[in-house]
Structure formats: C-alpha cells, structure tokens
Amino acid sequence: PFKPLPLARALASLFARPLPPPPAIIMGITVAEGEACGINFVDAFMGGFAANNHSATMENVFAEHVTWDWSDGFKGEGPPSSVFKQFAKTWGFMVSTALIRPTMIVET
C-alpha cells in the first residue's frame, strides 16, 4: 500500500484548513455621497454657461492643482483658474445653456 511522505501529509493538513476571513473593507465614499458629488459638479458646470462664469460656479469642485490635455492641443497644469480662463474664451463664450445629465458611476 501507498504511504504518503511526512511532508505531503503536513501540506495536505495545511491546505485542508479553512482560510481566515478577509479583513473588513472600509469604503472611502458611499454611493449616495458619490452621486451627490457628481450631481453637484454637473450642476456647477451647467450653471456657468448662462453668464460664462465657470470660475465662480465651479470654485469649490476642483482640486487646487489640476492637469489637462484637451483634444485641441490645450495642455497644461496649474490652478483651475487657468482652465476657466481658456474655457471662457471657447465653449463658455459660445454656449449659453447646456442640458446634460450624465449617468453617475460611483466606485466605492
């Protein structure tokens, strides 16, 4: 008859044990919080078209330092005001109202 080696028996007993449960995951943001943040951003963006004042309407929804790379070749990094100045001369100048409601996807 076949007799397993001591190492094989030790490995078999090790792998036969159930794994411990994974550690609890702490979510950084809830779906509701993420959706509220997204809606706030979209509302601030849409609100800037009427008076071409995105720098005012979006003042509190950007980081202090941002980077951008637009399809028209406008690239850079710096404060959001740099983006808003360019936007005021382009889309902000050409568009008086925007009707958008994107689908919100929140990764928690």
PDB file of N, CA and C in Angstrom:
ATOM      1  N   PRO A   1       0.825  -1.194   0.000  1.00  0.00           N
ATOM      2  CA  PRO A   1       0.000   0.000   0.000  1.00  0.00           C
ATOM      3  C   PRO A   1       0.874   1.264   0.000  1.00  0.00           C
ATOM      4  N   PHE A   2       0.271   2.332  -0.555  1.00  0.00           N
ATOM      5  CA  PHE A   2       0.964   3.619  -0.665  1.00  0.00           C
ATOM      6  C   PHE A   2       0.962   4.327   0.681  1.00  0.00           C
ATOM      7  N   LYS A   3       2.135   4.882   1.067  1.00  0.00           N
ATOM      8  CA  LYS A   3       2.243   5.649   2.303  1.00  0.00           C
ATOM      9  C   LYS A   3       2.759   7.045   1.948  1.00  0.00           C
ATOM     10  N   PRO A   4       1.946   8.109   2.183  1.00  0.00           N
ATOM     11  CA  PRO A   4       2.387   9.459   1.843  1.00  0.00           C
ATOM     12  C   PRO A   4       3.591   9.856   2.683  1.00  0.00           C
ATOM     13  N   LEU A   5       4.418  10.669   2.130  1.00  0.00           N
ATOM     14  CA  LEU A   5       5.582  11.180   2.834  1.00  0.00           C
ATOM     15  C   LEU A   5       5.134  12.141   3.936  1.00  0.00           C
ATOM     16  N   PRO A   6       5.935  12.289   4.985  1.00  0.00           N
ATOM     17  CA  PRO A   6       5.550  13.210   6.065  1.00  0.00           C
ATOM     18  C   PRO A   6       5.302  14.631   5.560  1.00  0.00           C
ATOM     19  N   LEU A   7       6.089  15.128   4.600  1.00  0.00           N
ATOM     20  CA  LEU A   7       5.897  16.474   4.078  1.00  0.00           C
ATOM     21  C   LEU A   7       4.551  16.576   3.354  1.00  0.00           C
ATOM     22  N   ALA A   8       4.225  15.567   2.583  1.00  0.00           N
ATOM     23  CA  ALA A   8       2.960  15.560   1.864  1.00  0.00           C
ATOM     24  C   ALA A   8       1.789  15.574   2.840  1.00  0.00           C
ATOM     25  N   ARG A   9       1.925  14.805   3.929  1.00  0.00           N
ATOM     26  CA  ARG A   9       0.869  14.808   4.949  1.00  0.00           C
ATOM     27  C   ARG A   9       0.735  16.183   5.603  1.00  0.00           C
ATOM     28  N   ALA A  10       1.848  16.825   5.874  1.00  0.00           N
ATOM     29  CA  ALA A  10       1.824  18.145   6.504  1.00  0.00           C
ATOM     30  C   ALA A  10       1.190  19.175   5.564  1.00  0.00           C
ATOM     31  N   LEU A  11       1.552  19.126   4.293  1.00  0.00           N
ATOM     32  CA  LEU A  11       0.971  20.052   3.321  1.00  0.00           C
ATOM     33  C   LEU A  11      -0.525  19.804   3.155  1.00  0.00           C
ATOM     34  N   ALA A  12      -0.919  18.545   3.117  1.00  0.00           N
ATOM     35  CA  ALA A  12      -2.334  18.215   2.968  1.00  0.00           C
ATOM     36  C   ALA A  12      -3.132  18.750   4.150  1.00  0.00           C
ATOM     37  N   SER A  13      -2.599  18.623   5.357  1.00  0.00           N
ATOM     38  CA  SER A  13      -3.333  19.124   6.527  1.00  0.00           C
ATOM     39  C   SER A  13      -3.360  20.649   6.540  1.00  0.00           C
ATOM     40  N   LEU A  14      -2.302  21.276   6.030  1.00  0.00           N
ATOM     41  CA  LEU A  14      -2.258  22.730   5.977  1.00  0.00           C
ATOM     42  C   LEU A  14      -3.309  23.271   5.018  1.00  0.00           C
ATOM     43  N   PHE A  15      -3.415  22.681   3.820  1.00  0.00           N
ATOM     44  CA  PHE A  15      -4.359  23.155   2.824  1.00  0.00           C
ATOM     45  C   PHE A  15      -5.792  22.716   3.097  1.00  0.00           C
ATOM     46  N   ALA A  16      -5.984  21.789   3.989  1.00  0.00           N
ATOM     47  CA  ALA A  16      -7.333  21.335   4.310  1.00  0.00           C
ATOM     48  C   ALA A  16      -8.020  22.285   5.279  1.00  0.00           C
ATOM     49  N   ARG A  17      -7.252  23.161   5.908  1.00  0.00           N
ATOM     50  CA  ARG A  17      -7.829  24.109   6.866  1.00  0.00           C
ATOM     51  C   ARG A  17      -8.546  25.237   6.118  1.00  0.00           C
ATOM     52  N   PRO A  18      -9.659  25.728   6.657  1.00  0.00           N
ATOM     53  CA  PRO A  18     -10.340  26.864   6.007  1.00  0.00           C
ATOM     54  C   PRO A  18      -9.494  28.132   6.137  1.00  0.00           C
ATOM     55  N   LEU A  19      -9.582  28.959   5.131  1.00  0.00           N
ATOM     56  CA  LEU A  19      -8.858  30.225   5.156  1.00  0.00           C
ATOM     57  C   LEU A  19      -9.538  31.196   6.105  1.00  0.00           C
ATOM     58  N   PRO A  20      -8.769  32.065   6.739  1.00  0.00           N
ATOM     59  CA  PRO A  20      -9.417  33.070   7.601  1.00  0.00           C
ATOM     60  C   PRO A  20     -10.188  34.053   6.731  1.00  0.00           C
ATOM     61  N   PRO A  21     -11.201  34.676   7.294  1.00  0.00           N
ATOM     62  CA  PRO A  21     -11.969  35.642   6.506  1.00  0.00           C
ATOM     63  C   PRO A  21     -11.093  36.838   6.135  1.00  0.00           C
ATOM     64  N   PRO A  22     -11.383  37.473   5.002  1.00  0.00           N
ATOM     65  CA  PRO A  22     -10.595  38.648   4.618  1.00  0.00           C
ATOM     66  C   PRO A  22     -10.863  39.797   5.583  1.00  0.00           C
ATOM     67  N   PRO A  23      -9.939  40.739   5.687  1.00  0.00           N
ATOM     68  CA  PRO A  23     -10.176  41.875   6.590  1.00  0.00           C
ATOM     69  C   PRO A  23     -11.347  42.713   6.098  1.00  0.00           C
ATOM     70  N   ALA A  24     -11.984  43.391   7.022  1.00  0.00           N
ATOM     71  CA  ALA A  24     -13.115  44.250   6.676  1.00  0.00           C
ATOM     72  C   ALA A  24     -12.635  45.388   5.783  1.00  0.00           C
ATOM     73  N   ILE A  25     -13.426  45.716   4.788  1.00  0.00           N
ATOM     74  CA  ILE A  25     -13.084  46.791   3.863  1.00  0.00           C
ATOM     75  C   ILE A  25     -13.775  48.066   4.322  1.00  0.00           C
ATOM     76  N   ILE A  26     -13.000  49.122   4.432  1.00  0.00           N
ATOM     77  CA  ILE A  26     -13.556  50.407   4.816  1.00  0.00           C
ATOM     78  C   ILE A  26     -13.704  51.230   3.538  1.00  0.00           C
ATOM     79  N   MET A  27     -14.935  51.547   3.190  1.00  0.00           N
ATOM     80  CA  MET A  27     -15.208  52.305   1.976  1.00  0.00           C
ATOM     81  C   MET A  27     -14.873  53.772   2.198  1.00  0.00           C
ATOM     82  N   GLY A  28     -14.264  54.391   1.189  1.00  0.00           N
ATOM     83  CA  GLY A  28     -13.917  55.792   1.287  1.00  0.00           C
ATOM     84  C   GLY A  28     -15.095  56.714   1.025  1.00  0.00           C
ATOM     85  N   ILE A  29     -16.079  56.204   0.294  1.00  0.00           N
ATOM     86  CA  ILE A  29     -17.229  57.029  -0.078  1.00  0.00           C
ATOM     87  C   ILE A  29     -18.414  56.092  -0.326  1.00  0.00           C
ATOM     88  N   THR A  30     -19.588  56.546   0.034  1.00  0.00           N
ATOM     89  CA  THR A  30     -20.782  55.746  -0.245  1.00  0.00           C
ATOM     90  C   THR A  30     -21.288  56.082  -1.645  1.00  0.00           C
ATOM     91  N   VAL A  31     -22.148  55.233  -2.163  1.00  0.00           N
ATOM     92  CA  VAL A  31     -22.744  55.505  -3.474  1.00  0.00           C
ATOM     93  C   VAL A  31     -23.529  56.811  -3.423  1.00  0.00           C
ATOM     94  N   ALA A  32     -24.299  57.016  -2.362  1.00  0.00           N
ATOM     95  CA  ALA A  32     -25.090  58.245  -2.233  1.00  0.00           C
ATOM     96  C   ALA A  32     -24.184  59.478  -2.202  1.00  0.00           C
ATOM     97  N   GLU A  33     -23.076  59.404  -1.474  1.00  0.00           N
ATOM     98  CA  GLU A  33     -22.142  60.535  -1.416  1.00  0.00           C
ATOM     99  C   GLU A  33     -21.509  60.786  -2.784  1.00  0.00           C
ATOM    100  N   GLY A  34     -21.151  59.720  -3.483  1.00  0.00           N
ATOM    101  CA  GLY A  34     -20.562  59.857  -4.806  1.00  0.00           C
ATOM    102  C   GLY A  34     -21.532  60.467  -5.808  1.00  0.00           C
ATOM    103  N   GLU A  35     -22.778  60.017  -5.755  1.00  0.00           N
ATOM    104  CA  GLU A  35     -23.789  60.579  -6.659  1.00  0.00           C
ATOM    105  C   GLU A  35     -24.032  62.052  -6.348  1.00  0.00           C
ATOM    106  N   ALA A  36     -24.085  62.406  -5.077  1.00  0.00           N
ATOM    107  CA  ALA A  36     -24.284  63.808  -4.688  1.00  0.00           C
ATOM    108  C   ALA A  36     -23.117  64.671  -5.175  1.00  0.00           C
ATOM    109  N   CYS A  37     -21.912  64.164  -5.064  1.00  0.00           N
ATOM    110  CA  CYS A  37     -20.732  64.891  -5.536  1.00  0.00           C
ATOM    111  C   CYS A  37     -20.799  65.078  -7.056  1.00  0.00           C
ATOM    112  N   GLY A  38     -21.172  64.032  -7.775  1.00  0.00           N
ATOM    113  CA  GLY A  38     -21.283  64.118  -9.228  1.00  0.00           C
ATOM    114  C   GLY A  38     -22.358  65.089  -9.671  1.00  0.00           C
ATOM    115  N   ILE A  39     -23.503  65.047  -9.015  1.00  0.00           N
ATOM    116  CA  ILE A  39     -24.606  65.962  -9.352  1.00  0.00           C
ATOM    117  C   ILE A  39     -24.189  67.400  -9.056  1.00  0.00           C
ATOM    118  N   ASN A  40     -23.501  67.622  -7.945  1.00  0.00           N
ATOM    119  CA  ASN A  40     -23.011  68.957  -7.602  1.00  0.00           C
ATOM    120  C   ASN A  40     -22.061  69.474  -8.689  1.00  0.00           C
ATOM    121  N   PHE A  41     -21.177  68.609  -9.170  1.00  0.00           N
ATOM    122  CA  PHE A  41     -20.230  69.000 -10.216  1.00  0.00           C
ATOM    123  C   PHE A  41     -20.967  69.374 -11.504  1.00  0.00           C
ATOM    124  N   VAL A  42     -21.889  68.526 -11.929  1.00  0.00           N
ATOM    125  CA  VAL A  42     -22.625  68.782 -13.172  1.00  0.00           C
ATOM    126  C   VAL A  42     -23.456  70.057 -13.046  1.00  0.00           C
ATOM    127  N   ASP A  43     -24.125  70.253 -11.925  1.00  0.00           N
ATOM    128  CA  ASP A  43     -24.932  71.465 -11.727  1.00  0.00           C
ATOM    129  C   ASP A  43     -24.057  72.720 -11.759  1.00  0.00           C
ATOM    130  N   ALA A  44     -22.886  72.647 -11.141  1.00  0.00           N
ATOM    131  CA  ALA A  44     -21.964  73.794 -11.147  1.00  0.00           C
ATOM    132  C   ALA A  44     -21.468  74.072 -12.566  1.00  0.00           C
ATOM    133  N   PHE A  45     -21.184  73.018 -13.302  1.00  0.00           N
ATOM    134  CA  PHE A  45     -20.714  73.174 -14.679  1.00  0.00           C
ATOM    135  C   PHE A  45     -21.796  73.796 -15.552  1.00  0.00           C
ATOM    136  N   MET A  46     -22.993  73.248 -15.491  1.00  0.00           N
ATOM    137  CA  MET A  46     -24.099  73.766 -16.298  1.00  0.00           C
ATOM    138  C   MET A  46     -24.430  75.200 -15.910  1.00  0.00           C
ATOM    139  N   GLY A  47     -24.335  75.515 -14.620  1.00  0.00           N
ATOM    140  CA  GLY A  47     -24.651  76.850 -14.142  1.00  0.00           C
ATOM    141  C   GLY A  47     -23.712  77.923 -14.644  1.00  0.00           C
ATOM    142  N   GLY A  48     -22.528  77.558 -15.068  1.00  0.00           N
ATOM    143  CA  GLY A  48     -21.559  78.540 -15.533  1.00  0.00           C
ATOM    144  C   GLY A  48     -21.781  79.042 -16.943  1.00  0.00           C
ATOM    145  N   PHE A  49     -22.631  78.380 -17.712  1.00  0.00           N
ATOM    146  CA  PHE A  49     -22.824  78.783 -19.104  1.00  0.00           C
ATOM    147  C   PHE A  49     -23.616  80.079 -19.255  1.00  0.00           C
ATOM    148  N   ALA A  50     -24.629  80.286 -18.448  1.00  0.00           N
ATOM    149  CA  ALA A  50     -25.511  81.451 -18.619  1.00  0.00           C
ATOM    150  C   ALA A  50     -24.739  82.765 -18.616  1.00  0.00           C
ATOM    151  N   ALA A  51     -23.809  82.923 -17.697  1.00  0.00           N
ATOM    152  CA  ALA A  51     -23.039  84.176 -17.593  1.00  0.00           C
ATOM    153  C   ALA A  51     -21.570  83.970 -17.947  1.00  0.00           C
ATOM    154  N   ASN A  52     -21.227  82.795 -18.487  1.00  0.00           N
ATOM    155  CA  ASN A  52     -19.836  82.472 -18.821  1.00  0.00           C
ATOM    156  C   ASN A  52     -18.936  82.718 -17.608  1.00  0.00           C
ATOM    157  N   ASN A  53     -19.352  82.173 -16.474  1.00  0.00           N
ATOM    158  CA  ASN A  53     -18.601  82.390 -15.232  1.00  0.00           C
ATOM    159  C   ASN A  53     -18.311  81.076 -14.508  1.00  0.00           C
ATOM    160  N   HIS A  54     -17.779  80.126 -15.227  1.00  0.00           N
ATOM    161  CA  HIS A  54     -17.453  78.841 -14.611  1.00  0.00           C
ATOM    162  C   HIS A  54     -16.469  78.981 -13.452  1.00  0.00           C
ATOM    163  N   SER A  55     -15.607  79.983 -13.508  1.00  0.00           N
ATOM    164  CA  SER A  55     -14.657  80.164 -12.405  1.00  0.00           C
ATOM    165  C   SER A  55     -15.394  80.424 -11.089  1.00  0.00           C
ATOM    166  N   ALA A  56     -16.553  81.055 -11.150  1.00  0.00           N
ATOM    167  CA  ALA A  56     -17.336  81.305  -9.937  1.00  0.00           C
ATOM    168  C   ALA A  56     -18.193  80.102  -9.567  1.00  0.00           C
ATOM    169  N   THR A  57     -18.872  79.508 -10.564  1.00  0.00           N
ATOM    170  CA  THR A  57     -19.800  78.419 -10.242  1.00  0.00           C
ATOM    171  C   THR A  57     -19.073  77.133  -9.860  1.00  0.00           C
ATOM    172  N   MET A  58     -17.853  76.961 -10.340  1.00  0.00           N
ATOM    173  CA  MET A  58     -17.126  75.717 -10.084  1.00  0.00           C
ATOM    174  C   MET A  58     -15.978  75.897  -9.099  1.00  0.00           C
ATOM    175  N   GLU A  59     -15.996  77.010  -8.388  1.00  0.00           N
ATOM    176  CA  GLU A  59     -14.895  77.360  -7.489  1.00  0.00           C
ATOM    177  C   GLU A  59     -14.560  76.258  -6.480  1.00  0.00           C
ATOM    178  N   ASN A  60     -15.558  75.580  -5.957  1.00  0.00           N
ATOM    179  CA  ASN A  60     -15.319  74.610  -4.881  1.00  0.00           C
ATOM    180  C   ASN A  60     -15.402  73.154  -5.321  1.00  0.00           C
ATOM    181  N   VAL A  61     -15.347  72.882  -6.621  1.00  0.00           N
ATOM    182  CA  VAL A  61     -15.469  71.494  -7.062  1.00  0.00           C
ATOM    183  C   VAL A  61     -14.202  70.955  -7.735  1.00  0.00           C
ATOM    184  N   PHE A  62     -13.137  71.739  -7.736  1.00  0.00           N
ATOM    185  CA  PHE A  62     -11.875  71.298  -8.319  1.00  0.00           C
ATOM    186  C   PHE A  62     -10.797  71.225  -7.250  1.00  0.00           C
ATOM    187  N   ALA A  63      -9.785  70.433  -7.513  1.00  0.00           N
ATOM    188  CA  ALA A  63      -8.619  70.406  -6.640  1.00  0.00           C
ATOM    189  C   ALA A  63      -7.846  71.715  -6.814  1.00  0.00           C
ATOM    190  N   GLU A  64      -6.929  71.995  -5.919  1.00  0.00           N
ATOM    191  CA  GLU A  64      -6.144  73.230  -6.010  1.00  0.00           C
ATOM    192  C   GLU A  64      -5.180  73.204  -7.188  1.00  0.00           C
ATOM    193  N   HIS A  65      -4.796  72.034  -7.617  1.00  0.00           N
ATOM    194  CA  HIS A  65      -3.866  71.872  -8.738  1.00  0.00           C
ATOM    195  C   HIS A  65      -4.445  70.807  -9.672  1.00  0.00           C
ATOM    196  N   VAL A  66      -4.557  71.128 -10.947  1.00  0.00           N
ATOM    197  CA  VAL A  66      -5.129  70.190 -11.921  1.00  0.00           C
ATOM    198  C   VAL A  66      -4.224  70.091 -13.146  1.00  0.00           C
ATOM    199  N   THR A  67      -4.412  69.034 -13.906  1.00  0.00           N
ATOM    200  CA  THR A  67      -3.741  68.892 -15.194  1.00  0.00           C
ATOM    201  C   THR A  67      -4.817  68.720 -16.258  1.00  0.00           C
ATOM    202  N   TRP A  68      -4.499  69.118 -17.497  1.00  0.00           N
ATOM    203  CA  TRP A  68      -5.468  68.983 -18.576  1.00  0.00           C
ATOM    204  C   TRP A  68      -4.744  68.739 -19.883  1.00  0.00           C
ATOM    205  N   ASP A  69      -5.472  68.062 -20.769  1.00  0.00           N
ATOM    206  CA  ASP A  69      -4.960  67.752 -22.104  1.00  0.00           C
ATOM    207  C   ASP A  69      -6.170  67.663 -23.019  1.00  0.00           C
ATOM    208  N   TRP A  70      -6.521  68.784 -23.627  1.00  0.00           N
ATOM    209  CA  TRP A  70      -7.708  68.846 -24.479  1.00  0.00           C
ATOM    210  C   TRP A  70      -7.368  68.396 -25.892  1.00  0.00           C
ATOM    211  N   SER A  71      -8.360  67.968 -26.610  1.00  0.00           N
ATOM    212  CA  SER A  71      -8.155  67.475 -27.978  1.00  0.00           C
ATOM    213  C   SER A  71      -7.698  68.571 -28.940  1.00  0.00           C
ATOM    214  N   ASP A  72      -7.881  69.837 -28.571  1.00  0.00           N
ATOM    215  CA  ASP A  72      -7.445  70.936 -29.452  1.00  0.00           C
ATOM    216  C   ASP A  72      -5.989  71.346 -29.216  1.00  0.00           C
ATOM    217  N   GLY A  73      -5.285  70.601 -28.359  1.00  0.00           N
ATOM    218  CA  GLY A  73      -3.880  70.906 -28.106  1.00  0.00           C
ATOM    219  C   GLY A  73      -3.632  71.729 -26.855  1.00  0.00           C
ATOM    220  N   PHE A  74      -4.676  72.176 -26.177  1.00  0.00           N
ATOM    221  CA  PHE A  74      -4.526  72.937 -24.930  1.00  0.00           C
ATOM    222  C   PHE A  74      -4.131  71.970 -23.822  1.00  0.00           C
ATOM    223  N   LYS A  75      -2.882  72.056 -23.385  1.00  0.00           N
ATOM    224  CA  LYS A  75      -2.350  71.161 -22.347  1.00  0.00           C
ATOM    225  C   LYS A  75      -1.728  71.998 -21.250  1.00  0.00           C
ATOM    226  N   GLY A  76      -1.716  71.463 -20.070  1.00  0.00           N
ATOM    227  CA  GLY A  76      -1.022  72.156 -19.002  1.00  0.00           C
ATOM    228  C   GLY A  76      -1.354  71.618 -17.641  1.00  0.00           C
ATOM    229  N   GLU A  77      -0.870  72.345 -16.666  1.00  0.00           N
ATOM    230  CA  GLU A  77      -1.179  72.034 -15.278  1.00  0.00           C
ATOM    231  C   GLU A  77      -1.075  73.314 -14.481  1.00  0.00           C
ATOM    232  N   GLY A  78      -1.816  73.364 -13.402  1.00  0.00           N
ATOM    233  CA  GLY A  78      -1.819  74.552 -12.563  1.00  0.00           C
ATOM    234  C   GLY A  78      -3.138  74.700 -11.845  1.00  0.00           C
ATOM    235  N   PRO A  79      -3.470  75.908 -11.437  1.00  0.00           N
ATOM    236  CA  PRO A  79      -4.737  76.122 -10.725  1.00  0.00           C
ATOM    237  C   PRO A  79      -5.915  76.020 -11.696  1.00  0.00           C
ATOM    238  N   PRO A  80      -7.081  75.674 -11.198  1.00  0.00           N
ATOM    239  CA  PRO A  80      -8.260  75.596 -12.067  1.00  0.00           C
ATOM    240  C   PRO A  80      -8.532  76.894 -12.817  1.00  0.00           C
ATOM    241  N   SER A  81      -8.129  78.030 -12.276  1.00  0.00           N
ATOM    242  CA  SER A  81      -8.384  79.312 -12.950  1.00  0.00           C
ATOM    243  C   SER A  81      -7.770  79.339 -14.348  1.00  0.00           C
ATOM    244  N   SER A  82      -6.679  78.615 -14.553  1.00  0.00           N
ATOM    245  CA  SER A  82      -6.063  78.553 -15.883  1.00  0.00           C
ATOM    246  C   SER A  82      -6.991  77.875 -16.883  1.00  0.00           C
ATOM    247  N   VAL A  83      -7.654  76.841 -16.443  1.00  0.00           N
ATOM    248  CA  VAL A  83      -8.606  76.140 -17.313  1.00  0.00           C
ATOM    249  C   VAL A  83      -9.822  77.031 -17.566  1.00  0.00           C
ATOM    250  N   PHE A  84     -10.322  77.679 -16.524  1.00  0.00           N
ATOM    251  CA  PHE A  84     -11.519  78.509 -16.665  1.00  0.00           C
ATOM    252  C   PHE A  84     -11.275  79.701 -17.593  1.00  0.00           C
ATOM    253  N   LYS A  85     -10.081  80.261 -17.570  1.00  0.00           N
ATOM    254  CA  LYS A  85      -9.763  81.377 -18.481  1.00  0.00           C
ATOM    255  C   LYS A  85      -9.853  80.916 -19.930  1.00  0.00           C
ATOM    256  N   GLN A  86      -9.302  79.741 -20.204  1.00  0.00           N
ATOM    257  CA  GLN A  86      -9.366  79.203 -21.562  1.00  0.00           C
ATOM    258  C   GLN A  86     -10.804  78.855 -21.932  1.00  0.00           C
ATOM    259  N   PHE A  87     -11.516  78.257 -21.002  1.00  0.00           N
ATOM    260  CA  PHE A  87     -12.898  77.863 -21.255  1.00  0.00           C
ATOM    261  C   PHE A  87     -13.763  79.092 -21.542  1.00  0.00           C
ATOM    262  N   ALA A  88     -13.502  80.191 -20.842  1.00  0.00           N
ATOM    263  CA  ALA A  88     -14.284  81.420 -21.042  1.00  0.00           C
ATOM    264  C   ALA A  88     -14.119  81.962 -22.456  1.00  0.00           C
ATOM    265  N   LYS A  89     -12.970  81.683 -23.087  1.00  0.00           N
ATOM    266  CA  LYS A  89     -12.725  82.166 -24.455  1.00  0.00           C
ATOM    267  C   LYS A  89     -13.223  81.193 -25.516  1.00  0.00           C
ATOM    268  N   THR A  90     -13.628  79.989 -25.106  1.00  0.00           N
ATOM    269  CA  THR A  90     -14.037  78.974 -26.084  1.00  0.00           C
ATOM    270  C   THR A  90     -15.474  78.552 -25.816  1.00  0.00           C
ATOM    271  N   TRP A  91     -15.674  77.385 -25.237  1.00  0.00           N
ATOM    272  CA  TRP A  91     -17.025  76.861 -25.023  1.00  0.00           C
ATOM    273  C   TRP A  91     -17.874  77.773 -24.146  1.00  0.00           C
ATOM    274  N   GLY A  92     -17.290  78.353 -23.130  1.00  0.00           N
ATOM    275  CA  GLY A  92     -18.050  79.254 -22.267  1.00  0.00           C
ATOM    276  C   GLY A  92     -18.578  80.451 -23.022  1.00  0.00           C
ATOM    277  N   PHE A  93     -17.813  80.920 -23.994  1.00  0.00           N
ATOM    278  CA  PHE A  93     -18.207  82.061 -24.816  1.00  0.00           C
ATOM    279  C   PHE A  93     -19.280  81.669 -25.838  1.00  0.00           C
ATOM    280  N   MET A  94     -19.177  80.466 -26.385  1.00  0.00           N
ATOM    281  CA  MET A  94     -20.071  80.037 -27.464  1.00  0.00           C
ATOM    282  C   MET A  94     -21.395  79.443 -26.998  1.00  0.00           C
ATOM    283  N   VAL A  95     -21.470  78.963 -25.771  1.00  0.00           N
ATOM    284  CA  VAL A  95     -22.650  78.236 -25.293  1.00  0.00           C
ATOM    285  C   VAL A  95     -23.319  79.031 -24.176  1.00  0.00           C
ATOM    286  N   SER A  96     -24.627  79.224 -24.297  1.00  0.00           N
ATOM    287  CA  SER A  96     -25.341  79.973 -23.264  1.00  0.00           C
ATOM    288  C   SER A  96     -26.096  79.058 -22.296  1.00  0.00           C
ATOM    289  N   THR A  97     -26.351  77.849 -22.700  1.00  0.00           N
ATOM    290  CA  THR A  97     -27.009  76.893 -21.809  1.00  0.00           C
ATOM    291  C   THR A  97     -26.598  75.485 -22.217  1.00  0.00           C
ATOM    292  N   ALA A  98     -26.621  74.603 -21.261  1.00  0.00           N
ATOM    293  CA  ALA A  98     -26.274  73.204 -21.526  1.00  0.00           C
ATOM    294  C   ALA A  98     -27.279  72.319 -20.805  1.00  0.00           C
ATOM    295  N   LEU A  99     -27.734  71.324 -21.488  1.00  0.00           N
ATOM    296  CA  LEU A  99     -28.681  70.379 -20.906  1.00  0.00           C
ATOM    297  C   LEU A  99     -28.032  69.002 -20.925  1.00  0.00           C
ATOM    298  N   ILE A 100     -27.404  68.673 -19.853  1.00  0.00           N
ATOM    299  CA  ILE A 100     -26.743  67.373 -19.749  1.00  0.00           C
ATOM    300  C   ILE A 100     -27.133  66.725 -18.437  1.00  0.00           C
ATOM    301  N   ARG A 101     -27.198  65.432 -18.419  1.00  0.00           N
ATOM    302  CA  ARG A 101     -27.424  64.673 -17.188  1.00  0.00           C
ATOM    303  C   ARG A 101     -26.743  63.322 -17.387  1.00  0.00           C
ATOM    304  N   PRO A 102     -25.469  63.266 -17.090  1.00  0.00           N
ATOM    305  CA  PRO A 102     -24.747  62.009 -17.311  1.00  0.00           C
ATOM    306  C   PRO A 102     -25.161  60.922 -16.329  1.00  0.00           C
ATOM    307  N   THR A 103     -24.870  59.707 -16.680  1.00  0.00           N
ATOM    308  CA  THR A 103     -25.069  58.582 -15.767  1.00  0.00           C
ATOM    309  C   THR A 103     -23.933  58.607 -14.758  1.00  0.00           C
ATOM    310  N   MET A 104     -24.267  58.527 -13.487  1.00  0.00           N
ATOM    311  CA  MET A 104     -23.252  58.543 -12.443  1.00  0.00           C
ATOM    312  C   MET A 104     -22.820  57.122 -12.126  1.00  0.00           C
ATOM    313  N   ILE A 105     -21.531  56.902 -12.129  1.00  0.00           N
ATOM    314  CA  ILE A 105     -20.967  55.615 -11.721  1.00  0.00           C
ATOM    315  C   ILE A 105     -20.034  55.915 -10.556  1.00  0.00           C
ATOM    316  N   VAL A 106     -20.299  55.312  -9.414  1.00  0.00           N
ATOM    317  CA  VAL A 106     -19.524  55.566  -8.213  1.00  0.00           C
ATOM    318  C   VAL A 106     -18.747  54.309  -7.862  1.00  0.00           C
ATOM    319  N   GLU A 107     -17.442  54.442  -7.772  1.00  0.00           N
ATOM    320  CA  GLU A 107     -16.614  53.316  -7.340  1.00  0.00           C
ATOM    321  C   GLU A 107     -16.331  53.487  -5.860  1.00  0.00           C
ATOM    322  N   THR A 108     -16.769  52.538  -5.069  1.00  0.00           N
ATOM    323  CA  THR A 108     -16.594  52.654  -3.616  1.00  0.00           C
ATOM    324  C   THR A 108     -15.424  51.832  -3.138  1.00  0.00           C
TER     325      THR A 108
END
